[in-house]
C-alpha atoms as a PDB file:
ATOM      1  CA  MET A   1      -1.646  20.244  19.378  1.00  0.00           C
ATOM      2  CA  SER A   2      -0.073  19.348  16.081  1.00  0.00           C
ATOM      3  CA  GLY A   3       3.348  18.064  15.128  1.00  0.00           C
ATOM      4  CA  ARG A   4       5.542  18.303  12.065  1.00  0.00           C
ATOM      5  CA  ILE A   5       8.890  16.759  11.194  1.00  0.00           C
ATOM      6  CA  VAL A   6      10.778  16.036   7.988  1.00  0.00           C
ATOM      7  CA  TYR A   7      12.484  12.674   7.593  1.00  0.00           C
ATOM      8  CA  ASN A   8      15.280  12.220   5.032  1.00  0.00           C
ATOM      9  CA  SER A   9      14.203   8.768   3.829  1.00  0.00           C
ATOM     10  CA  PRO A  10      15.629   6.514   1.103  1.00  0.00           C
ATOM     11  CA  VAL A  11      12.984   7.989  -1.266  1.00  0.00           C
ATOM     12  CA  GLY A  12      13.680  11.620  -0.361  1.00  0.00           C
ATOM     13  CA  PHE A  13      12.379  14.032   2.229  1.00  0.00           C
ATOM     14  CA  LEU A  14       9.079  12.963   3.798  1.00  0.00           C
ATOM     15  CA  GLU A  15       7.063  15.561   5.679  1.00  0.00           C
ATOM     16  CA  ILE A  16       5.180  13.925   8.562  1.00  0.00           C
ATOM     17  CA  ILE A  17       2.281  15.847  10.115  1.00  0.00           C
ATOM     18  CA  SER A  18       0.048  14.990  13.031  1.00  0.00           C
ATOM     19  CA  GLU A  19      -3.015  16.555  14.580  1.00  0.00           C
ATOM     20  CA  GLY A  20      -3.574  15.644  18.207  1.00  0.00           C
ATOM     21  CA  ASN A  21      -3.103  11.900  18.589  1.00  0.00           C
ATOM     22  CA  PHE A  22      -3.472  11.117  14.878  1.00  0.00           C
ATOM     23  CA  LEU A  23      -1.280  11.092  11.800  1.00  0.00           C
ATOM     24  CA  THR A  24      -2.802  13.252   9.041  1.00  0.00           C
ATOM     25  CA  ASP A  25      -0.085  13.490   6.373  1.00  0.00           C
ATOM     26  CA  VAL A  26       3.052  11.847   5.025  1.00  0.00           C
ATOM     27  CA  ARG A  27       4.094  13.503   1.785  1.00  0.00           C
ATOM     28  CA  LYS A  28       7.220  13.751  -0.287  1.00  0.00           C
ATOM     29  CA  VAL A  29       8.733  17.240  -0.288  1.00  0.00           C
ATOM     30  CA  GLY A  30      11.680  18.675  -2.177  1.00  0.00           C
ATOM     31  CA  GLU A  31      13.500  20.112   0.806  1.00  0.00           C
ATOM     32  CA  ILE A  32      13.331  20.773   4.519  1.00  0.00           C
ATOM     33  CA  SER A  33      11.633  24.093   5.149  1.00  0.00           C
ATOM     34  CA  GLY A  34       9.484  25.626   7.844  1.00  0.00           C
ATOM     35  CA  GLU A  35       9.423  25.003  11.534  1.00  0.00           C
ATOM     36  CA  ILE A  36       9.683  21.535  13.033  1.00  0.00           C
ATOM     37  CA  PHE A  37       7.410  20.565  15.920  1.00  0.00           C
ATOM     38  CA  PRO A  38       8.076  16.923  16.844  1.00  0.00           C
ATOM     39  CA  ASP A  39       5.461  15.129  18.901  1.00  0.00           C
ATOM     40  CA  ARG A  40       4.732  11.544  19.915  1.00  0.00           C
ATOM     41  CA  VAL A  41       2.856  10.678  16.710  1.00  0.00           C
ATOM     42  CA  THR A  42       5.407  12.184  14.288  1.00  0.00           C
ATOM     43  CA  GLU A  43       8.306  10.522  16.119  1.00  0.00           C
ATOM     44  CA  MET A  44       6.492   7.158  16.211  1.00  0.00           C
ATOM     45  CA  THR A  45       5.766   7.484  12.477  1.00  0.00           C
ATOM     46  CA  LYS A  46       9.393   8.270  11.664  1.00  0.00           C
ATOM     47  CA  LYS A  47      10.566   5.314  13.768  1.00  0.00           C
ATOM     48  CA  GLN A  48       8.199   2.940  11.969  1.00  0.00           C
ATOM     49  CA  LEU A  49       9.175   4.319   8.546  1.00  0.00           C
ATOM     50  CA  VAL A  50      12.866   3.806   9.392  1.00  0.00           C
ATOM     51  CA  GLU A  51      12.032   0.194  10.303  1.00  0.00           C
ATOM     52  CA  TYR A  52      10.013  -0.235   7.084  1.00  0.00           C
ATOM     53  CA  PHE A  53      12.898   1.000   4.936  1.00  0.00           C
ATOM     54  CA  ALA A  54      15.319  -1.232   6.893  1.00  0.00           C
ATOM     55  CA  GLY A  55      13.123  -4.230   6.027  1.00  0.00           C
ATOM     56  CA  THR A  56      12.175  -5.011   9.628  1.00  0.00           C
ATOM     57  CA  ARG A  57       8.580  -3.684   9.559  1.00  0.00           C
ATOM     58  CA  ARG A  58       5.747  -4.891   7.353  1.00  0.00           C
ATOM     59  CA  GLU A  59       2.753  -3.305   9.110  1.00  0.00           C
ATOM     60  CA  PHE A  60       2.204   0.103  10.672  1.00  0.00           C
ATOM     61  CA  ASP A  61       0.275   0.690  13.879  1.00  0.00           C
ATOM     62  CA  ILE A  62      -0.163   4.443  13.891  1.00  0.00           C
ATOM     63  CA  PRO A  63      -3.554   6.070  14.564  1.00  0.00           C
ATOM     64  CA  LEU A  64      -4.629   7.703  11.291  1.00  0.00           C
ATOM     65  CA  ALA A  65      -6.936  10.616  10.481  1.00  0.00           C
ATOM     66  CA  PRO A  66      -6.581  11.390   6.774  1.00  0.00           C
ATOM     67  CA  GLN A  67      -8.652  14.363   5.670  1.00  0.00           C
ATOM     68  CA  GLY A  68     -10.879  13.768   2.644  1.00  0.00           C
ATOM     69  CA  THR A  69     -14.379  13.036   1.453  1.00  0.00           C
ATOM     70  CA  GLU A  70     -16.309  10.037   2.710  1.00  0.00           C
ATOM     71  CA  PHE A  71     -15.626   8.272  -0.608  1.00  0.00           C
ATOM     72  CA  GLN A  72     -11.887   9.004  -0.432  1.00  0.00           C
ATOM     73  CA  ARG A  73     -11.704   7.758   3.157  1.00  0.00           C
ATOM     74  CA  SER A  74     -13.485   4.521   2.138  1.00  0.00           C
ATOM     75  CA  VAL A  75     -10.873   3.979  -0.588  1.00  0.00           C
ATOM     76  CA  TRP A  76      -7.981   4.771   1.759  1.00  0.00           C
ATOM     77  CA  LYS A  77      -9.377   2.358   4.348  1.00  0.00           C
ATOM     78  CA  LYS A  78      -9.316  -0.448   1.744  1.00  0.00           C
ATOM     79  CA  LEU A  79      -5.783   0.516   0.687  1.00  0.00           C
ATOM     80  CA  ALA A  80      -4.661   0.185   4.302  1.00  0.00           C
ATOM     81  CA  GLU A  81      -5.891  -3.434   4.267  1.00  0.00           C
ATOM     82  CA  ILE A  82      -3.567  -4.490   1.403  1.00  0.00           C
ATOM     83  CA  PRO A  83      -0.871  -6.696   2.962  1.00  0.00           C
ATOM     84  CA  PHE A  84       2.842  -6.055   2.556  1.00  0.00           C
ATOM     85  CA  GLY A  85       4.139  -7.592  -0.645  1.00  0.00           C
ATOM     86  CA  GLU A  86       0.748  -7.741  -2.393  1.00  0.00           C
ATOM     87  CA  THR A  87      -0.962  -5.527  -4.945  1.00  0.00           C
ATOM     88  CA  ARG A  88      -4.504  -4.721  -5.992  1.00  0.00           C
ATOM     89  CA  SER A  89      -5.927  -3.022  -9.054  1.00  0.00           C
ATOM     90  CA  TYR A  90      -8.150   0.035  -9.127  1.00  0.00           C
ATOM     91  CA  GLY A  91     -10.991  -2.311 -10.122  1.00  0.00           C
ATOM     92  CA  ASP A  92     -10.308  -4.557  -7.118  1.00  0.00           C
ATOM     93  CA  ILE A  93     -10.677  -1.577  -4.797  1.00  0.00           C
ATOM     94  CA  SER A  94     -13.850  -0.329  -6.507  1.00  0.00           C
ATOM     95  CA  LYS A  95     -15.395  -3.795  -6.038  1.00  0.00           C
ATOM     96  CA  ALA A  96     -14.218  -3.955  -2.415  1.00  0.00           C
ATOM     97  CA  ILE A  97     -16.016  -0.708  -1.569  1.00  0.00           C
ATOM     98  CA  GLY A  98     -19.172  -1.769  -3.426  1.00  0.00           C
ATOM     99  CA  LYS A  99     -18.779   0.689  -6.321  1.00  0.00           C
ATOM    100  CA  THR A 100     -17.987  -1.650  -9.201  1.00  0.00           C
ATOM    101  CA  SER A 101     -18.094   1.035 -11.903  1.00  0.00           C
ATOM    102  CA  ALA A 102     -16.004   3.584  -9.980  1.00  0.00           C
ATOM    103  CA  SER A 103     -12.467   2.586 -11.023  1.00  0.00           C
ATOM    104  CA  ARG A 104     -11.677   6.093 -12.297  1.00  0.00           C
ATOM    105  CA  ALA A 105     -12.978   7.711  -9.090  1.00  0.00           C
ATOM    106  CA  VAL A 106     -10.959   5.183  -7.095  1.00  0.00           C
ATOM    107  CA  GLY A 107      -7.898   6.193  -9.107  1.00  0.00           C
ATOM    108  CA  ASN A 108      -8.498   9.835  -8.237  1.00  0.00           C
ATOM    109  CA  ALA A 109      -8.872   8.980  -4.539  1.00  0.00           C
ATOM    110  CA  VAL A 110      -5.699   6.881  -4.627  1.00  0.00           C
ATOM    111  CA  GLY A 111      -3.846   9.831  -6.175  1.00  0.00           C
ATOM    112  CA  ARG A 112      -5.030  12.092  -3.358  1.00  0.00           C
ATOM    113  CA  ASN A 113      -3.921   9.788  -0.549  1.00  0.00           C
ATOM    114  CA  PRO A 114      -2.411  12.157   2.043  1.00  0.00           C
ATOM    115  CA  ILE A 115      -0.511   9.476   3.987  1.00  0.00           C
ATOM    116  CA  LEU A 116       2.036   7.929   1.620  1.00  0.00           C
ATOM    117  CA  ILE A 117       3.527   4.521   2.432  1.00  0.00           C
ATOM    118  CA  ILE A 118       1.516   4.107   5.670  1.00  0.00           C
ATOM    119  CA  ILE A 119      -1.647   3.957   3.539  1.00  0.00           C
ATOM    120  CA  PRO A 120       0.003   1.900   0.799  1.00  0.00           C
ATOM    121  CA  CYS A 121      -1.248   3.490  -2.420  1.00  0.00           C
ATOM    122  CA  HIS A 122       1.988   2.283  -4.021  1.00  0.00           C
ATOM    123  CA  ARG A 123       0.481  -1.226  -3.939  1.00  0.00           C
ATOM    124  CA  ILE A 124      -2.199  -0.241  -6.472  1.00  0.00           C
ATOM    125  CA  ILE A 125      -1.355  -1.247 -10.024  1.00  0.00           C
ATOM    126  CA  ARG A 126      -3.201  -1.198 -13.310  1.00  0.00           C
ATOM    127  CA  SER A 127      -5.325  -4.175 -14.319  1.00  0.00           C
ATOM    128  CA  ASP A 128      -2.812  -4.970 -17.080  1.00  0.00           C
ATOM    129  CA  GLY A 129      -0.107  -5.474 -14.422  1.00  0.00           C
ATOM    130  CA  LYS A 130       1.799  -2.262 -15.161  1.00  0.00           C
ATOM    131  CA  THR A 131       2.714  -0.128 -12.174  1.00  0.00           C
ATOM    132  CA  GLY A 132       0.848   2.999 -13.274  1.00  0.00           C
ATOM    133  CA  GLY A 133       1.340   6.473 -11.867  1.00  0.00           C
ATOM    134  CA  PHE A 134       2.168   7.669  -8.391  1.00  0.00           C
ATOM    135  CA  SER A 135       1.794  11.079  -6.754  1.00  0.00           C
ATOM    136  CA  ALA A 136       5.384  10.987  -5.421  1.00  0.00           C
ATOM    137  CA  GLY A 137       6.786   9.847  -8.790  1.00  0.00           C
ATOM    138  CA  THR A 138       6.959   6.507 -10.547  1.00  0.00           C
ATOM    139  CA  ASP A 139      10.585   6.081  -9.476  1.00  0.00           C
ATOM    140  CA  VAL A 140       9.471   6.167  -5.828  1.00  0.00           C
ATOM    141  CA  LYS A 141       6.634   3.719  -6.525  1.00  0.00           C
ATOM    142  CA  GLU A 142       8.998   1.287  -8.225  1.00  0.00           C
ATOM    143  CA  PHE A 143      11.491   1.601  -5.352  1.00  0.00           C
ATOM    144  CA  LEU A 144       8.751   0.762  -2.826  1.00  0.00           C
ATOM    145  CA  LEU A 145       7.451  -2.159  -4.897  1.00  0.00           C
ATOM    146  CA  ARG A 146      10.998  -3.538  -5.307  1.00  0.00           C
ATOM    147  CA  SER A 147      11.654  -3.176  -1.576  1.00  0.00           C
ATOM    148  CA  GLU A 148       8.536  -5.265  -0.920  1.00  0.00           C
ATOM    149  CA  LYS A 149       9.707  -7.827  -3.544  1.00  0.00           C
ATOM    150  CA  ILE A 150       6.632  -7.131  -5.691  1.00  0.00           C
ATOM    151  CA  ILE A 151       8.648  -6.249  -8.816  1.00  0.00           C
END
């Protein structure tokens, strides 16, 4: 059984999708459309996102099942280990997964992260300290980094 809800967050509408007992997607959408099928995982995710945006949650404890290649999943796993309020560069992640010359591939995997905020791809910055791009928009990335007191 799968679930789907849309949460009107401080950064816009977030579509939250689950499959069985696992969260598979959190993505920014332009509007609420389609049918809503709340379940335990989507409701738990929304609750934790509300707490995150309120400043009372720093870590998420939701069972994840992002869909991607083995390489992408290895990158996303390392992203999930970045603590609240800290950043890493694309090069840091490529070293952490044992692929020191794969910064560009890491960047592509970061850009394809299907579970925004929960897998904190917003905490990845360029090696020169600039924030860099973000699939949900640089304004959203900067909002998230400011909310975590990173910028």
